[in-house]
């Protein structure tokens, strides 16, 4: 699962949802979805727009949550 860093980055930079919506042309709802703890069904193109607005890389917007056991390895 991917954990979002968007909210934290926005707060550090003092960027509001409304300001980001105006600057990017994305809806408030889209930005709220990207800010949720777990990014779900957020298009890469949307993340690119958000990253450009925040002056960071797309990979900075999220981190992979591997859980307590780490990555699962499946054996065939």
PDB file of N, CA and C in Angstrom:
ATOM      1  N   UNK A   1       0.840  -1.170   0.000  1.00  0.00           N
ATOM      2  CA  UNK A   1       0.000   0.000   0.000  1.00  0.00           C
ATOM      3  C   UNK A   1       0.894   1.246   0.000  1.00  0.00           C
ATOM      4  N   UNK A   2       0.438   2.280  -0.642  1.00  0.00           N
ATOM      5  CA  UNK A   2       1.205   3.520  -0.714  1.00  0.00           C
ATOM      6  C   UNK A   2       0.661   4.536   0.290  1.00  0.00           C
ATOM      7  N   UNK A   3       1.548   5.074   1.110  1.00  0.00           N
ATOM      8  CA  UNK A   3       1.183   6.078   2.096  1.00  0.00           C
ATOM      9  C   UNK A   3       1.511   7.457   1.544  1.00  0.00           C
ATOM     10  N   UNK A   4       0.538   8.347   1.584  1.00  0.00           N
ATOM     11  CA  UNK A   4       0.691   9.686   1.017  1.00  0.00           C
ATOM     12  C   UNK A   4       1.505  10.611   1.918  1.00  0.00           C
ATOM     13  N   UNK A   5       2.375  11.398   1.299  1.00  0.00           N
ATOM     14  CA  UNK A   5       3.121  12.463   1.979  1.00  0.00           C
ATOM     15  C   UNK A   5       2.619  13.842   1.543  1.00  0.00           C
ATOM     16  N   UNK A   6       1.594  13.868   0.717  1.00  0.00           N
ATOM     17  CA  UNK A   6       1.109  15.121   0.129  1.00  0.00           C
ATOM     18  C   UNK A   6       0.675  16.106   1.210  1.00  0.00           C
ATOM     19  N   UNK A   7      -0.107  15.653   2.171  1.00  0.00           N
ATOM     20  CA  UNK A   7      -0.601  16.540   3.230  1.00  0.00           C
ATOM     21  C   UNK A   7       0.562  17.179   3.978  1.00  0.00           C
ATOM     22  N   UNK A   8       1.543  16.372   4.356  1.00  0.00           N
ATOM     23  CA  UNK A   8       2.689  16.882   5.110  1.00  0.00           C
ATOM     24  C   UNK A   8       3.488  17.891   4.300  1.00  0.00           C
ATOM     25  N   UNK A   9       3.703  17.606   3.029  1.00  0.00           N
ATOM     26  CA  UNK A   9       4.461  18.520   2.166  1.00  0.00           C
ATOM     27  C   UNK A   9       3.710  19.835   2.011  1.00  0.00           C
ATOM     28  N   UNK A  10       2.399  19.747   1.793  1.00  0.00           N
ATOM     29  CA  UNK A  10       1.593  20.962   1.653  1.00  0.00           C
ATOM     30  C   UNK A  10       1.646  21.799   2.928  1.00  0.00           C
ATOM     31  N   UNK A  11       1.529  21.139   4.084  1.00  0.00           N
ATOM     32  CA  UNK A  11       1.552  21.867   5.356  1.00  0.00           C
ATOM     33  C   UNK A  11       2.906  22.537   5.583  1.00  0.00           C
ATOM     34  N   UNK A  12       4.000  21.850   5.285  1.00  0.00           N
ATOM     35  CA  UNK A  12       5.338  22.420   5.450  1.00  0.00           C
ATOM     36  C   UNK A  12       5.518  23.665   4.588  1.00  0.00           C
ATOM     37  N   UNK A  13       4.916  23.644   3.396  1.00  0.00           N
ATOM     38  CA  UNK A  13       5.058  24.765   2.468  1.00  0.00           C
ATOM     39  C   UNK A  13       3.972  25.817   2.654  1.00  0.00           C
ATOM     40  N   UNK A  14       3.005  25.540   3.517  1.00  0.00           N
ATOM     41  CA  UNK A  14       1.918  26.488   3.741  1.00  0.00           C
ATOM     42  C   UNK A  14       0.959  26.586   2.568  1.00  0.00           C
ATOM     43  N   UNK A  15       0.824  25.513   1.813  1.00  0.00           N
ATOM     44  CA  UNK A  15      -0.059  25.493   0.639  1.00  0.00           C
ATOM     45  C   UNK A  15      -1.420  24.951   1.050  1.00  0.00           C
ATOM     46  N   UNK A  16      -2.466  25.691   0.764  1.00  0.00           N
ATOM     47  CA  UNK A  16      -3.822  25.247   1.080  1.00  0.00           C
ATOM     48  C   UNK A  16      -4.388  24.438  -0.084  1.00  0.00           C
ATOM     49  N   UNK A  17      -5.448  23.714   0.220  1.00  0.00           N
ATOM     50  CA  UNK A  17      -6.123  22.935  -0.821  1.00  0.00           C
ATOM     51  C   UNK A  17      -6.654  23.870  -1.899  1.00  0.00           C
ATOM     52  N   UNK A  18      -7.260  24.957  -1.480  1.00  0.00           N
ATOM     53  CA  UNK A  18      -7.827  25.920  -2.440  1.00  0.00           C
ATOM     54  C   UNK A  18      -6.743  26.512  -3.334  1.00  0.00           C
ATOM     55  N   UNK A  19      -5.602  26.884  -2.740  1.00  0.00           N
ATOM     56  CA  UNK A  19      -4.510  27.463  -3.524  1.00  0.00           C
ATOM     57  C   UNK A  19      -3.969  26.453  -4.525  1.00  0.00           C
ATOM     58  N   UNK A  20      -3.840  25.194  -4.093  1.00  0.00           N
ATOM     59  CA  UNK A  20      -3.341  24.182  -5.008  1.00  0.00           C
ATOM     60  C   UNK A  20      -4.333  23.933  -6.137  1.00  0.00           C
ATOM     61  N   UNK A  21      -5.613  23.924  -5.806  1.00  0.00           N
ATOM     62  CA  UNK A  21      -6.642  23.724  -6.827  1.00  0.00           C
ATOM     63  C   UNK A  21      -6.581  24.836  -7.872  1.00  0.00           C
ATOM     64  N   UNK A  22      -6.433  26.064  -7.415  1.00  0.00           N
ATOM     65  CA  UNK A  22      -6.367  27.198  -8.337  1.00  0.00           C
ATOM     66  C   UNK A  22      -5.111  27.137  -9.206  1.00  0.00           C
ATOM     67  N   UNK A  23      -3.985  26.776  -8.607  1.00  0.00           N
ATOM     68  CA  UNK A  23      -2.718  26.754  -9.335  1.00  0.00           C
ATOM     69  C   UNK A  23      -2.625  25.593 -10.325  1.00  0.00           C
ATOM     70  N   UNK A  24      -3.215  24.437  -9.962  1.00  0.00           N
ATOM     71  CA  UNK A  24      -3.073  23.240 -10.797  1.00  0.00           C
ATOM     72  C   UNK A  24      -4.247  22.993 -11.731  1.00  0.00           C
ATOM     73  N   UNK A  25      -5.409  23.556 -11.396  1.00  0.00           N
ATOM     74  CA  UNK A  25      -6.604  23.265 -12.187  1.00  0.00           C
ATOM     75  C   UNK A  25      -7.276  21.967 -11.762  1.00  0.00           C
ATOM     76  N   UNK A  26      -6.741  21.311 -10.714  1.00  0.00           N
ATOM     77  CA  UNK A  26      -7.353  20.096 -10.187  1.00  0.00           C
ATOM     78  C   UNK A  26      -8.484  20.485  -9.242  1.00  0.00           C
ATOM     79  N   UNK A  27      -9.439  19.594  -9.070  1.00  0.00           N
ATOM     80  CA  UNK A  27     -10.545  19.883  -8.163  1.00  0.00           C
ATOM     81  C   UNK A  27     -10.098  19.691  -6.714  1.00  0.00           C
ATOM     82  N   UNK A  28     -10.834  20.329  -5.811  1.00  0.00           N
ATOM     83  CA  UNK A  28     -10.573  20.168  -4.381  1.00  0.00           C
ATOM     84  C   UNK A  28     -10.654  18.690  -3.989  1.00  0.00           C
ATOM     85  N   UNK A  29     -11.624  17.984  -4.547  1.00  0.00           N
ATOM     86  CA  UNK A  29     -11.833  16.568  -4.236  1.00  0.00           C
ATOM     87  C   UNK A  29     -10.620  15.737  -4.655  1.00  0.00           C
ATOM     88  N   UNK A  30     -10.069  16.024  -5.813  1.00  0.00           N
ATOM     89  CA  UNK A  30      -8.891  15.294  -6.290  1.00  0.00           C
ATOM     90  C   UNK A  30      -7.709  15.516  -5.351  1.00  0.00           C
ATOM     91  N   UNK A  31      -7.520  16.729  -4.930  1.00  0.00           N
ATOM     92  CA  UNK A  31      -6.415  17.039  -4.018  1.00  0.00           C
ATOM     93  C   UNK A  31      -6.649  16.376  -2.663  1.00  0.00           C
ATOM     94  N   UNK A  32      -7.869  16.381  -2.195  1.00  0.00           N
ATOM     95  CA  UNK A  32      -8.191  15.707  -0.935  1.00  0.00           C
ATOM     96  C   UNK A  32      -7.892  14.214  -1.024  1.00  0.00           C
ATOM     97  N   UNK A  33      -8.203  13.596  -2.147  1.00  0.00           N
ATOM     98  CA  UNK A  33      -7.902  12.170  -2.335  1.00  0.00           C
ATOM     99  C   UNK A  33      -6.402  11.906  -2.270  1.00  0.00           C
ATOM    100  N   UNK A  34      -5.618  12.786  -2.872  1.00  0.00           N
ATOM    101  CA  UNK A  34      -4.163  12.614  -2.867  1.00  0.00           C
ATOM    102  C   UNK A  34      -3.587  12.815  -1.474  1.00  0.00           C
ATOM    103  N   UNK A  35      -4.270  13.603  -0.637  1.00  0.00           N
ATOM    104  CA  UNK A  35      -3.804  13.891   0.722  1.00  0.00           C
ATOM    105  C   UNK A  35      -4.156  12.791   1.720  1.00  0.00           C
ATOM    106  N   UNK A  36      -5.067  11.904   1.357  1.00  0.00           N
ATOM    107  CA  UNK A  36      -5.462  10.833   2.279  1.00  0.00           C
ATOM    108  C   UNK A  36      -4.248   9.990   2.640  1.00  0.00           C
ATOM    109  N   UNK A  37      -4.318   9.367   3.802  1.00  0.00           N
ATOM    110  CA  UNK A  37      -3.200   8.564   4.286  1.00  0.00           C
ATOM    111  C   UNK A  37      -2.749   7.542   3.240  1.00  0.00           C
ATOM    112  N   UNK A  38      -3.690   6.829   2.651  1.00  0.00           N
ATOM    113  CA  UNK A  38      -3.341   5.836   1.639  1.00  0.00           C
ATOM    114  C   UNK A  38      -3.827   6.299   0.273  1.00  0.00           C
ATOM    115  N   UNK A  39      -2.879   6.508  -0.618  1.00  0.00           N
ATOM    116  CA  UNK A  39      -3.235   6.930  -1.969  1.00  0.00           C
ATOM    117  C   UNK A  39      -3.885   5.744  -2.667  1.00  0.00           C
ATOM    118  N   UNK A  40      -5.092   5.945  -3.129  1.00  0.00           N
ATOM    119  CA  UNK A  40      -5.794   4.901  -3.854  1.00  0.00           C
ATOM    120  C   UNK A  40      -6.373   5.504  -5.124  1.00  0.00           C
ATOM    121  N   UNK A  41      -6.118   4.864  -6.214  1.00  0.00           N
ATOM    122  CA  UNK A  41      -6.655   5.267  -7.504  1.00  0.00           C
ATOM    123  C   UNK A  41      -6.345   6.714  -7.852  1.00  0.00           C
ATOM    124  N   UNK A  42      -5.134   7.118  -7.623  1.00  0.00           N
ATOM    125  CA  UNK A  42      -4.691   8.452  -8.009  1.00  0.00           C
ATOM    126  C   UNK A  42      -3.812   8.282  -9.246  1.00  0.00           C
ATOM    127  N   UNK A  43      -4.183   8.916 -10.331  1.00  0.00           N
ATOM    128  CA  UNK A  43      -3.440   8.767 -11.582  1.00  0.00           C
ATOM    129  C   UNK A  43      -2.038   9.359 -11.465  1.00  0.00           C
ATOM    130  N   UNK A  44      -1.123   8.733 -12.176  1.00  0.00           N
ATOM    131  CA  UNK A  44       0.246   9.220 -12.198  1.00  0.00           C
ATOM    132  C   UNK A  44       0.289  10.639 -12.750  1.00  0.00           C
ATOM    133  N   UNK A  45      -0.529  10.932 -13.740  1.00  0.00           N
ATOM    134  CA  UNK A  45      -0.554  12.281 -14.310  1.00  0.00           C
ATOM    135  C   UNK A  45      -1.000  13.313 -13.267  1.00  0.00           C
ATOM    136  N   UNK A  46      -1.915  12.929 -12.379  1.00  0.00           N
ATOM    137  CA  UNK A  46      -2.354  13.812 -11.304  1.00  0.00           C
ATOM    138  C   UNK A  46      -1.222  14.041 -10.315  1.00  0.00           C
ATOM    139  N   UNK A  47      -0.516  12.969  -9.959  1.00  0.00           N
ATOM    140  CA  UNK A  47       0.617  13.094  -9.048  1.00  0.00           C
ATOM    141  C   UNK A  47       1.715  13.965  -9.652  1.00  0.00           C
ATOM    142  N   UNK A  48       1.904  13.881 -10.964  1.00  0.00           N
ATOM    143  CA  UNK A  48       2.901  14.727 -11.636  1.00  0.00           C
ATOM    144  C   UNK A  48       2.527  16.206 -11.509  1.00  0.00           C
ATOM    145  N   UNK A  49       1.258  16.522 -11.661  1.00  0.00           N
ATOM    146  CA  UNK A  49       0.790  17.906 -11.544  1.00  0.00           C
ATOM    147  C   UNK A  49       1.005  18.409 -10.120  1.00  0.00           C
ATOM    148  N   UNK A  50       0.655  17.577  -9.139  1.00  0.00           N
ATOM    149  CA  UNK A  50       0.829  17.962  -7.733  1.00  0.00           C
ATOM    150  C   UNK A  50       2.300  18.153  -7.407  1.00  0.00           C
ATOM    151  N   UNK A  51       3.136  17.227  -7.853  1.00  0.00           N
ATOM    152  CA  UNK A  51       4.575  17.331  -7.588  1.00  0.00           C
ATOM    153  C   UNK A  51       5.160  18.601  -8.198  1.00  0.00           C
ATOM    154  N   UNK A  52       4.766  18.925  -9.412  1.00  0.00           N
ATOM    155  CA  UNK A  52       5.270  20.135 -10.071  1.00  0.00           C
ATOM    156  C   UNK A  52       4.855  21.372  -9.274  1.00  0.00           C
ATOM    157  N   UNK A  53       3.625  21.390  -8.809  1.00  0.00           N
ATOM    158  CA  UNK A  53       3.125  22.523  -8.028  1.00  0.00           C
ATOM    159  C   UNK A  53       3.898  22.677  -6.721  1.00  0.00           C
ATOM    160  N   UNK A  54       4.261  21.553  -6.102  1.00  0.00           N
ATOM    161  CA  UNK A  54       4.959  21.582  -4.821  1.00  0.00           C
ATOM    162  C   UNK A  54       6.479  21.637  -4.972  1.00  0.00           C
ATOM    163  N   UNK A  55       6.959  21.573  -6.213  1.00  0.00           N
ATOM    164  CA  UNK A  55       8.397  21.657  -6.456  1.00  0.00           C
ATOM    165  C   UNK A  55       9.160  20.447  -5.958  1.00  0.00           C
ATOM    166  N   UNK A  56       8.554  19.277  -6.104  1.00  0.00           N
ATOM    167  CA  UNK A  56       9.222  18.049  -5.672  1.00  0.00           C
ATOM    168  C   UNK A  56       9.058  16.973  -6.746  1.00  0.00           C
ATOM    169  N   UNK A  57       9.610  15.812  -6.489  1.00  0.00           N
ATOM    170  CA  UNK A  57       9.486  14.686  -7.411  1.00  0.00           C
ATOM    171  C   UNK A  57       8.251  13.877  -7.039  1.00  0.00           C
ATOM    172  N   UNK A  58       7.682  13.191  -8.024  1.00  0.00           N
ATOM    173  CA  UNK A  58       6.502  12.359  -7.781  1.00  0.00           C
ATOM    174  C   UNK A  58       6.795  11.361  -6.664  1.00  0.00           C
ATOM    175  N   UNK A  59       7.981  10.769  -6.675  1.00  0.00           N
ATOM    176  CA  UNK A  59       8.306   9.750  -5.664  1.00  0.00           C
ATOM    177  C   UNK A  59       8.354  10.329  -4.247  1.00  0.00           C
ATOM    178  N   UNK A  60       8.464  11.640  -4.113  1.00  0.00           N
ATOM    179  CA  UNK A  60       8.456  12.274  -2.797  1.00  0.00           C
ATOM    180  C   UNK A  60       7.046  12.358  -2.209  1.00  0.00           C
ATOM    181  N   UNK A  61       6.039  12.187  -3.049  1.00  0.00           N
ATOM    182  CA  UNK A  61       4.651  12.335  -2.619  1.00  0.00           C
ATOM    183  C   UNK A  61       4.116  11.123  -1.863  1.00  0.00           C
ATOM    184  N   UNK A  62       4.826  10.015  -1.923  1.00  0.00           N
ATOM    185  CA  UNK A  62       4.338   8.812  -1.257  1.00  0.00           C
ATOM    186  C   UNK A  62       5.497   7.907  -0.872  1.00  0.00           C
ATOM    187  N   UNK A  63       5.203   6.979   0.000  1.00  0.00           N
ATOM    188  CA  UNK A  63       6.165   5.947   0.333  1.00  0.00           C
ATOM    189  C   UNK A  63       5.415   4.628   0.423  1.00  0.00           C
ATOM    190  N   UNK A  64       6.120   3.566   0.172  1.00  0.00           N
ATOM    191  CA  UNK A  64       5.499   2.253   0.205  1.00  0.00           C
ATOM    192  C   UNK A  64       5.442   1.766   1.645  1.00  0.00           C
ATOM    193  N   UNK A  65       4.241   1.399   2.082  1.00  0.00           N
ATOM    194  CA  UNK A  65       4.042   0.885   3.428  1.00  0.00           C
ATOM    195  C   UNK A  65       4.093  -0.632   3.350  1.00  0.00           C
ATOM    196  N   UNK A  66       5.206  -1.197   3.816  1.00  0.00           N
ATOM    197  CA  UNK A  66       5.391  -2.633   3.722  1.00  0.00           C
ATOM    198  C   UNK A  66       4.847  -3.382   4.930  1.00  0.00           C
ATOM    199  N   UNK A  67       4.346  -2.658   5.887  1.00  0.00           N
ATOM    200  CA  UNK A  67       3.798  -3.293   7.079  1.00  0.00           C
ATOM    201  C   UNK A  67       4.900  -3.813   7.987  1.00  0.00           C
ATOM    202  N   UNK A  68       4.523  -4.420   9.108  1.00  0.00           N
ATOM    203  CA  UNK A  68       5.507  -4.864  10.095  1.00  0.00           C
ATOM    204  C   UNK A  68       6.409  -5.996   9.617  1.00  0.00           C
ATOM    205  N   UNK A  69       5.929  -6.819   8.699  1.00  0.00           N
ATOM    206  CA  UNK A  69       6.712  -7.970   8.266  1.00  0.00           C
ATOM    207  C   UNK A  69       7.609  -7.666   7.071  1.00  0.00           C
ATOM    208  N   UNK A  70       7.473  -6.471   6.498  1.00  0.00           N
ATOM    209  CA  UNK A  70       8.263  -6.143   5.306  1.00  0.00           C
ATOM    210  C   UNK A  70       7.624  -6.729   4.063  1.00  0.00           C
ATOM    211  N   UNK A  71       8.371  -6.756   2.967  1.00  0.00           N
ATOM    212  CA  UNK A  71       7.801  -7.263   1.714  1.00  0.00           C
ATOM    213  C   UNK A  71       7.507  -8.745   1.812  1.00  0.00           C
ATOM    214  N   UNK A  72       6.393  -9.136   1.223  1.00  0.00           N
ATOM    215  CA  UNK A  72       6.045 -10.544   1.188  1.00  0.00           C
ATOM    216  C   UNK A  72       6.711 -11.181  -0.016  1.00  0.00           C
ATOM    217  N   UNK A  73       7.223 -12.354   0.186  1.00  0.00           N
ATOM    218  CA  UNK A  73       7.862 -13.097  -0.896  1.00  0.00           C
ATOM    219  C   UNK A  73       7.015 -14.329  -1.159  1.00  0.00           C
ATOM    220  N   UNK A  74       6.602 -14.457  -2.397  1.00  0.00           N
ATOM    221  CA  UNK A  74       5.765 -15.584  -2.775  1.00  0.00           C
ATOM    222  C   UNK A  74       6.613 -16.610  -3.493  1.00  0.00           C
ATOM    223  N   UNK A  75       6.420 -17.840  -3.151  1.00  0.00           N
ATOM    224  CA  UNK A  75       7.150 -18.931  -3.802  1.00  0.00           C
ATOM    225  C   UNK A  75       6.158 -19.725  -4.635  1.00  0.00           C
ATOM    226  N   UNK A  76       6.581 -20.073  -5.828  1.00  0.00           N
ATOM    227  CA  UNK A  76       5.715 -20.835  -6.719  1.00  0.00           C
ATOM    228  C   UNK A  76       5.773 -22.308  -6.394  1.00  0.00           C
TER     229      UNK A  76
END
